[in-house]
């Protein structure tokens, strides 16, 4: 009789040696060990204890969610101009503390996989500041509107930054006071007058999908901050300062942040996170070009300056000698300016100061492609008769 030898193989979860080096058994980060590895490998960044390093792996996973991206062919594309005049460094965030920060204050998504919502809202808030030529505007919009059932494209389990921006374009998003952030999935609970504080954008365009084209992103960043997807590895949770490059630890999840600038001398992007001001460089970080998938799935938005730069009610009386014929298809030159950089919008108003005006008209230049903030004031409009 033949004897049969049975070999029993126990299949255990594969854990990289790099991961075991920087995490305790429950997933909490060993920051001292991580910094030793960073120093040994000559990394240009350092870690520090923070709220996330004290989380277990299970707790950190609760702060991540699925990141959903659209079919690229279905999204309007931003067309780069291959500009040769881009500066070697640029940022919408003030890294010096000397003032002039165009970004709104840092937020904290807390125990909810809502990075996609915070990135979309952070981009909108910062762009409103820029278009208004007012770094102190700092509108505070409601991420909970996107996380709740008001929006069908996301929850604390993840969502789509693209469809969140489309929602802001089509429906609008109210301010934080109307619907405060609760970091939970729940039925829509907007305030009764939510439309009064709702802000909208006018367009969403795809910059990059799976290929992070640096030139395209830079050209867009000269206009406004842009949403970007990235990969999070265990070591990123402990980031404190310097230029991040993935050095140690396993992949944990996809994440969505806001790019705010770059520095060619250091070959890095400047970016805004949504993990609170106690993480990183007061909520921000620097990351090497191409590292951890940064620069993939980036978007640019358009905002109508009529909703930002001017009071709610403004009337300019235009005399008979000025011909302003509206182009209802959406494109017409501003008075005194040539397309395609500008177009104008007009609507009826009350004009009691000049009975000779042909028609009461209020209008303002709408900025779409300028690479820097412009002050759209009444001085740029025709004087009243």
Protein backbone atom coordinates (compact mmCIF):
# COMPACT_ATOMS: atom_id res chain seq x y z
CA UNK A 1 0.00 0.00 0.00
CA UNK A 2 1.28 3.42 -0.93
CA UNK A 3 1.55 5.97 1.78
CA UNK A 4 0.32 9.46 1.05
CA UNK A 5 1.90 12.42 2.70
CA UNK A 6 -0.34 15.42 3.08
CA UNK A 7 1.29 18.81 3.07
CA UNK A 8 -0.93 21.41 4.67
CA UNK A 9 -0.11 24.99 3.74
CA UNK A 10 -1.51 27.78 5.87
CA UNK A 11 -2.07 30.92 3.83
CA UNK A 12 -1.45 34.00 5.93
CA UNK A 13 -2.14 37.62 4.95
CA UNK A 14 0.85 39.13 3.23
CA UNK A 15 2.27 42.05 5.19
CA UNK A 16 5.25 43.88 3.74
CA UNK A 17 8.32 44.19 5.89
CA UNK A 18 8.15 47.94 5.32
CA UNK A 19 4.65 48.06 6.81
CA UNK A 20 5.60 45.98 9.87
CA UNK A 21 8.54 48.29 10.47
CA UNK A 22 6.47 51.42 10.97
CA UNK A 23 3.21 50.15 12.47
CA UNK A 24 2.25 48.39 15.66
CA UNK A 25 0.13 45.20 15.40
CA UNK A 26 -3.11 47.22 15.56
CA UNK A 27 -1.97 49.55 12.80
CA UNK A 28 -0.96 52.58 14.84
CA UNK A 29 2.14 54.28 13.46
CA UNK A 30 5.48 53.97 15.19
CA UNK A 31 6.59 57.53 14.44
CA UNK A 32 10.03 57.14 16.02
CA UNK A 33 10.75 54.11 13.85
CA UNK A 34 9.38 55.87 10.76
CA UNK A 35 11.67 58.87 11.29
CA UNK A 36 14.64 56.51 11.67
CA UNK A 37 13.81 54.94 8.32
CA UNK A 38 13.38 58.36 6.70
CA UNK A 39 16.78 59.45 7.97
CA UNK A 40 18.44 56.20 6.91
CA UNK A 41 17.07 56.52 3.39
CA UNK A 42 17.86 60.22 3.04
CA UNK A 43 14.22 61.25 2.69
CA UNK A 44 13.52 64.99 2.63
CA UNK A 45 10.51 64.84 4.95
CA UNK A 46 9.81 63.97 8.56
CA UNK A 47 6.89 62.57 10.55
CA UNK A 48 5.34 63.55 13.87
CA UNK A 49 2.64 62.26 16.17
CA UNK A 50 -0.82 63.51 15.24
CA UNK A 51 -4.44 62.42 15.43
CA UNK A 52 -4.00 59.92 12.60
CA UNK A 53 -0.83 58.25 13.86
CA UNK A 54 -2.73 57.29 17.02
CA UNK A 55 -5.53 55.64 15.04
CA UNK A 56 -5.69 51.89 14.60
CA UNK A 57 -5.79 50.56 11.05
CA UNK A 58 -9.54 49.96 11.40
CA UNK A 59 -10.11 53.52 12.62
CA UNK A 60 -8.09 55.00 9.74
CA UNK A 61 -9.99 52.93 7.20
CA UNK A 62 -13.20 54.57 8.43
CA UNK A 63 -11.83 57.92 7.26
CA UNK A 64 -11.35 56.65 3.71
CA UNK A 65 -13.94 55.82 1.11
CA UNK A 66 -14.16 54.75 -2.50
CA UNK A 67 -13.14 57.49 -4.95
CA UNK A 68 -15.38 57.41 -8.02
CA UNK A 69 -14.22 58.99 -11.27
CA UNK A 70 -16.22 59.54 -14.48
CA UNK A 71 -15.67 58.08 -17.91
CA UNK A 72 -13.04 60.50 -19.33
CA UNK A 73 -14.64 60.73 -22.76
CA UNK A 74 -17.86 62.05 -21.19
CA UNK A 75 -16.24 65.06 -19.48
CA UNK A 76 -15.33 68.40 -21.15
CA UNK A 77 -11.55 68.80 -21.41
CA UNK A 78 -9.35 71.74 -20.50
CA UNK A 79 -7.06 72.61 -23.41
CA UNK A 80 -3.56 73.57 -22.40
CA UNK A 81 -1.75 76.31 -24.30
CA UNK A 82 1.81 75.04 -23.73
CA UNK A 83 2.72 78.33 -22.10
CA UNK A 84 6.43 79.13 -21.91
CA UNK A 85 6.08 81.90 -19.32
CA UNK A 86 5.16 79.83 -16.26
CA UNK A 87 7.08 80.79 -13.12
CA UNK A 88 9.39 78.29 -11.44
CA UNK A 89 7.22 78.40 -8.32
CA UNK A 90 3.70 79.55 -7.52
CA UNK A 91 1.14 79.10 -4.77
CA UNK A 92 -2.36 80.25 -3.83
CA UNK A 93 -1.54 79.36 -0.22
CA UNK A 94 0.62 81.65 1.88
CA UNK A 95 3.43 79.51 3.30
CA UNK A 96 5.13 82.42 5.08
CA UNK A 97 2.33 83.60 7.37
CA UNK A 98 2.74 87.12 5.98
CA UNK A 99 -0.82 87.34 4.64
CA UNK A 100 -2.43 87.09 1.23
CA UNK A 101 -3.61 83.49 1.53
CA UNK A 102 -6.20 82.88 -1.17
CA UNK A 103 -7.40 79.58 0.30
CA UNK A 104 -10.19 79.25 2.86
CA UNK A 105 -9.32 77.90 6.34
CA UNK A 106 -8.40 74.23 6.67
CA UNK A 107 -11.26 71.83 7.48
CA UNK A 108 -11.37 68.37 9.08
CA UNK A 109 -13.42 65.58 7.51
CA UNK A 110 -13.17 63.61 10.78
CA UNK A 111 -14.39 60.01 10.97
CA UNK A 112 -16.00 59.96 7.52
CA UNK A 113 -14.71 59.02 4.07
CA UNK A 114 -15.63 62.43 2.65
CA UNK A 115 -12.29 63.67 1.28
CA UNK A 116 -13.90 63.94 -2.16
CA UNK A 117 -16.48 66.42 -0.78
CA UNK A 118 -13.93 68.49 1.14
CA UNK A 119 -11.64 68.69 -1.88
CA UNK A 120 -14.47 69.84 -4.16
CA UNK A 121 -15.67 72.43 -1.64
CA UNK A 122 -12.12 73.59 -0.90
CA UNK A 123 -11.55 74.21 -4.59
CA UNK A 124 -14.80 76.18 -4.89
CA UNK A 125 -14.11 78.28 -1.77
CA UNK A 126 -10.57 79.15 -2.87
CA UNK A 127 -11.66 80.00 -6.40
CA UNK A 128 -14.38 82.33 -5.07
CA UNK A 129 -11.65 84.23 -3.18
CA UNK A 130 -9.55 84.48 -6.32
CA UNK A 131 -12.33 85.55 -8.65
CA UNK A 132 -13.46 88.15 -6.10
CA UNK A 133 -9.87 89.46 -5.80
CA UNK A 134 -10.39 89.17 -2.05
CA UNK A 135 -8.30 86.64 -0.07
CA UNK A 136 -10.35 87.47 3.03
CA UNK A 137 -13.72 86.56 1.50
CA UNK A 138 -13.46 82.97 2.79
CA UNK A 139 -16.98 81.71 2.24
CA UNK A 140 -17.66 78.54 4.25
CA UNK A 141 -19.74 76.07 2.26
CA UNK A 142 -21.57 72.97 3.47
CA UNK A 143 -19.76 69.67 2.86
CA UNK A 144 -22.62 67.91 4.68
CA UNK A 145 -24.90 68.80 1.78
CA UNK A 146 -22.77 66.54 -0.42
CA UNK A 147 -22.34 63.79 2.17
CA UNK A 148 -26.07 63.62 2.95
CA UNK A 149 -28.87 62.37 0.73
CA UNK A 150 -29.16 65.85 -0.81
CA UNK A 151 -26.55 64.55 -3.24
CA UNK A 152 -26.80 61.04 -4.64
CA UNK A 153 -23.16 60.77 -5.69
CA UNK A 154 -21.46 60.15 -2.38
CA UNK A 155 -21.51 59.45 1.35
CA UNK A 156 -19.10 58.67 4.20
CA UNK A 157 -18.29 55.52 2.24
CA UNK A 158 -16.81 57.60 -0.59
CA UNK A 159 -17.95 59.59 -3.58
CA UNK A 160 -17.08 61.43 -6.75
CA UNK A 161 -15.33 64.82 -6.71
CA UNK A 162 -16.39 65.34 -10.32
CA UNK A 163 -20.08 64.72 -9.72
CA UNK A 164 -19.89 66.81 -6.55
CA UNK A 165 -18.68 69.74 -8.65
CA UNK A 166 -21.41 69.08 -11.23
CA UNK A 167 -23.94 69.21 -8.37
CA UNK A 168 -22.56 72.59 -7.29
CA UNK A 169 -22.88 73.73 -10.90
CA UNK A 170 -26.44 72.50 -11.43
CA UNK A 171 -28.01 72.90 -7.97
CA UNK A 172 -25.70 75.02 -5.87
CA UNK A 173 -24.36 74.45 -2.35
CA UNK A 174 -25.41 76.51 0.72
CA UNK A 175 -23.16 77.80 3.46
CA UNK A 176 -22.10 75.91 6.58
CA UNK A 177 -24.61 77.74 8.78
CA UNK A 178 -27.45 76.32 6.68
CA UNK A 179 -26.31 72.69 7.01
CA UNK A 180 -23.46 72.04 9.44
CA UNK A 181 -21.01 69.20 9.00
CA UNK A 182 -21.86 66.12 11.08
CA UNK A 183 -19.55 63.51 9.48
CA UNK A 184 -22.44 61.03 9.11
CA UNK A 185 -24.67 59.69 6.36
CA UNK A 186 -28.15 61.07 6.86
CA UNK A 187 -31.28 62.26 5.02
CA UNK A 188 -31.06 65.71 3.47
CA UNK A 189 -31.71 68.37 6.10
CA UNK A 190 -31.13 71.71 4.41
CA UNK A 191 -32.32 74.91 6.06
CA UNK A 192 -35.56 76.35 4.68
CA UNK A 193 -33.88 79.26 2.90
CA UNK A 194 -30.86 77.30 1.62
CA UNK A 195 -31.10 78.88 -1.83
CA UNK A 196 -30.40 82.31 -0.32
CA UNK A 197 -26.82 81.36 0.59
CA UNK A 198 -26.25 78.79 -2.17
CA UNK A 199 -23.23 79.30 -4.40
CA UNK A 200 -22.81 77.89 -7.88
CA UNK A 201 -20.07 77.35 -10.41
CA UNK A 202 -20.54 77.65 -14.15
CA UNK A 203 -18.38 74.85 -15.54
CA UNK A 204 -16.28 71.77 -14.72
CA UNK A 205 -13.47 70.56 -16.96
CA UNK A 206 -11.15 67.58 -16.76
CA UNK A 207 -7.45 68.44 -16.70
CA UNK A 208 -5.85 65.00 -16.34
CA UNK A 209 -7.12 61.46 -15.86
CA UNK A 210 -4.65 58.62 -15.31
CA UNK A 211 -1.67 60.57 -16.69
CA UNK A 212 -0.54 63.46 -14.48
CA UNK A 213 0.58 66.01 -17.08
CA UNK A 214 2.57 68.61 -15.15
CA UNK A 215 2.28 71.36 -17.79
CA UNK A 216 -1.51 71.08 -17.95
CA UNK A 217 -1.86 71.22 -14.17
CA UNK A 218 0.46 74.23 -13.89
CA UNK A 219 -1.48 76.18 -16.51
CA UNK A 220 -4.70 75.49 -14.63
CA UNK A 221 -3.11 76.40 -11.29
CA UNK A 222 -2.26 79.82 -12.64
CA UNK A 223 -6.03 80.34 -12.77
CA UNK A 224 -7.18 78.58 -9.59
CA UNK A 225 -6.53 75.62 -7.24
CA UNK A 226 -7.46 72.21 -8.65
CA UNK A 227 -8.80 68.95 -7.20
CA UNK A 228 -6.46 65.95 -7.47
CA UNK A 229 -6.59 62.26 -6.62
CA UNK A 230 -3.65 60.56 -4.90
CA UNK A 231 -2.72 57.29 -3.20
CA UNK A 232 -2.28 57.13 0.58
CA UNK A 233 0.32 54.82 2.08
CA UNK A 234 0.73 54.22 5.81
CA UNK A 235 3.66 56.62 6.18
CA UNK A 236 1.71 59.58 4.74
CA UNK A 237 -0.53 59.64 7.81
CA UNK A 238 2.44 60.79 9.90
CA UNK A 239 3.64 63.55 7.54
CA UNK A 240 4.80 66.67 9.39
CA UNK A 241 7.02 68.72 7.06
CA UNK A 242 9.28 68.49 4.04
CA UNK A 243 8.68 67.08 0.56
CA UNK A 244 6.75 63.83 0.89
CA UNK A 245 7.79 60.74 -1.06
CA UNK A 246 6.39 57.32 -0.25
CA UNK A 247 9.14 55.63 1.72
CA UNK A 248 7.63 52.92 3.90
CA UNK A 249 4.28 51.26 4.57
CA UNK A 250 1.47 49.61 2.67
CA UNK A 251 -1.10 51.20 0.39
CA UNK A 252 -4.22 52.15 2.36
CA UNK A 253 -6.66 53.97 0.07
CA UNK A 254 -7.24 56.50 -2.67
CA UNK A 255 -7.63 60.05 -1.43
CA UNK A 256 -8.66 63.43 -2.88
CA UNK A 257 -6.87 66.71 -2.10
CA UNK A 258 -6.51 70.20 -3.59
CA UNK A 259 -3.37 71.27 -5.44
CA UNK A 260 -2.54 74.92 -4.73
CA UNK A 261 0.87 75.43 -6.34
CA UNK A 262 4.29 74.05 -7.22
CA UNK A 263 8.05 74.51 -6.89
CA UNK A 264 10.27 73.34 -9.73
CA UNK A 265 13.46 73.70 -7.68
CA UNK A 266 12.16 71.00 -5.34
CA UNK A 267 10.18 69.15 -8.06
CA UNK A 268 7.07 69.24 -5.89
CA UNK A 269 3.44 70.21 -5.71
CA UNK A 270 1.91 72.21 -2.86
CA UNK A 271 -1.36 70.68 -1.68
CA UNK A 272 -4.18 71.13 0.82
CA UNK A 273 -5.53 68.21 2.85
CA UNK A 274 -8.74 67.78 4.86
CA UNK A 275 -7.34 66.23 8.05
CA UNK A 276 -7.37 69.37 10.17
CA UNK A 277 -4.74 72.02 10.91
CA UNK A 278 -2.83 69.81 13.37
CA UNK A 279 -1.75 67.50 10.53
CA UNK A 280 1.16 68.32 8.22
CA UNK A 281 2.17 71.94 7.66
CA UNK A 282 -0.94 73.43 9.29
CA UNK A 283 -3.10 71.19 7.11
CA UNK A 284 -0.99 71.46 3.93
CA UNK A 285 1.80 69.32 2.48
CA UNK A 286 4.43 69.21 -0.24
CA UNK A 287 4.74 66.15 -2.44
CA UNK A 288 7.22 65.17 -5.14
CA UNK A 289 5.99 65.32 -8.75
CA UNK A 290 4.60 61.94 -9.75
CA UNK A 291 4.73 60.41 -6.28
CA UNK A 292 1.75 58.41 -4.97
CA UNK A 293 -0.28 59.08 -8.09
CA UNK A 294 -0.54 62.80 -7.34
CA UNK A 295 -1.82 64.84 -10.28
CA UNK A 296 -4.20 62.17 -11.55
CA UNK A 297 -7.86 63.04 -12.02
CA UNK A 298 -7.61 66.80 -11.71
CA UNK A 299 -10.40 69.27 -12.47
CA UNK A 300 -10.80 72.98 -13.08
CA UNK A 301 -13.99 74.98 -12.53
CA UNK A 302 -15.41 78.27 -13.78
CA UNK A 303 -17.17 80.85 -11.60
CA UNK A 304 -19.32 83.76 -12.70
CA UNK A 305 -17.82 86.94 -11.23
CA UNK A 306 -21.23 88.60 -11.22
CA UNK A 307 -22.02 86.45 -8.16
CA UNK A 308 -18.75 87.34 -6.45
CA UNK A 309 -17.30 90.75 -7.19
CA UNK A 310 -20.28 93.05 -7.09
CA UNK A 311 -23.12 93.88 -4.66
CA UNK A 312 -26.38 91.99 -5.02
CA UNK A 313 -28.01 95.04 -6.62
CA UNK A 314 -26.18 97.36 -8.99
CA UNK A 315 -27.66 99.45 -11.77
CA UNK A 316 -25.72 101.26 -14.46
CA UNK A 317 -27.59 103.62 -16.74
CA UNK A 318 -26.38 103.31 -20.30
CA UNK A 319 -27.13 106.22 -22.69
CA UNK A 320 -28.62 105.84 -26.15
CA UNK A 321 -25.19 106.27 -27.72
CA UNK A 322 -23.96 102.96 -26.28
CA UNK A 323 -25.17 99.90 -28.13
CA UNK A 324 -25.25 96.77 -25.97
CA UNK A 325 -27.00 93.90 -27.67
CA UNK A 326 -27.01 90.74 -25.52
CA UNK A 327 -25.92 87.49 -27.06
CA UNK A 328 -28.25 84.93 -25.50
CA UNK A 329 -26.00 82.10 -26.65
CA UNK A 330 -23.53 83.16 -23.98
CA UNK A 331 -20.77 84.99 -25.82
CA UNK A 332 -20.36 88.70 -26.51
CA UNK A 333 -17.50 91.14 -25.99
CA UNK A 334 -17.38 93.44 -23.00
CA UNK A 335 -17.62 97.13 -23.77
CA UNK A 336 -14.04 98.14 -24.48
CA UNK A 337 -12.64 94.62 -24.34
CA UNK A 338 -12.09 92.00 -26.98
CA UNK A 339 -13.12 88.35 -26.86
CA UNK A 340 -12.35 85.59 -26.11
CA UNK A 341 -10.99 86.60 -22.72
CA UNK A 342 -14.13 88.41 -21.63
CA UNK A 343 -17.85 88.33 -22.20
CA UNK A 344 -20.63 90.40 -20.68
CA UNK A 345 -23.90 89.69 -19.00
CA UNK A 346 -26.77 92.13 -18.78
CA UNK A 347 -30.20 92.23 -17.21
CA UNK A 348 -32.99 94.81 -16.70
CA UNK A 349 -32.71 97.07 -13.69
CA UNK A 350 -34.26 100.20 -12.20
CA UNK A 351 -32.71 103.41 -13.48
CA UNK A 352 -34.27 106.47 -11.90
CA UNK A 353 -31.25 108.77 -12.10
CA UNK A 354 -31.32 109.23 -15.87
CA UNK A 355 -34.64 109.51 -17.66
CA UNK A 356 -32.90 109.74 -21.03
CA UNK A 357 -31.36 106.28 -20.89
CA UNK A 358 -32.46 104.07 -23.74
CA UNK A 359 -32.82 101.08 -21.46
CA UNK A 360 -31.97 100.37 -17.84
CA UNK A 361 -29.10 97.87 -18.04
CA UNK A 362 -26.82 96.34 -15.44
CA UNK A 363 -23.84 94.40 -16.71
CA UNK A 364 -20.41 93.21 -15.67
CA UNK A 365 -17.43 91.55 -17.32
CA UNK A 366 -17.18 87.83 -16.68
CA UNK A 367 -13.65 86.51 -16.31
CA UNK A 368 -12.98 83.07 -17.72
CA UNK A 369 -9.36 82.65 -18.76
CA UNK A 370 -7.27 85.27 -16.99
CA UNK A 371 -4.23 83.74 -15.30
CA UNK A 372 -4.40 86.03 -12.28
CA UNK A 373 -7.02 87.76 -10.11
CA UNK A 374 -8.54 90.89 -11.61
CA UNK A 375 -10.50 93.61 -9.84
CA UNK A 376 -13.79 93.90 -11.70
CA UNK A 377 -15.08 97.20 -10.42
CA UNK A 378 -17.55 99.78 -11.71
CA UNK A 379 -14.62 101.79 -13.05
CA UNK A 380 -14.32 99.23 -15.84
CA UNK A 381 -17.85 99.85 -17.03
CA UNK A 382 -19.21 102.69 -19.20
CA UNK A 383 -19.94 105.82 -17.19
CA UNK A 384 -23.60 106.72 -16.82
CA UNK A 385 -25.05 109.51 -18.91
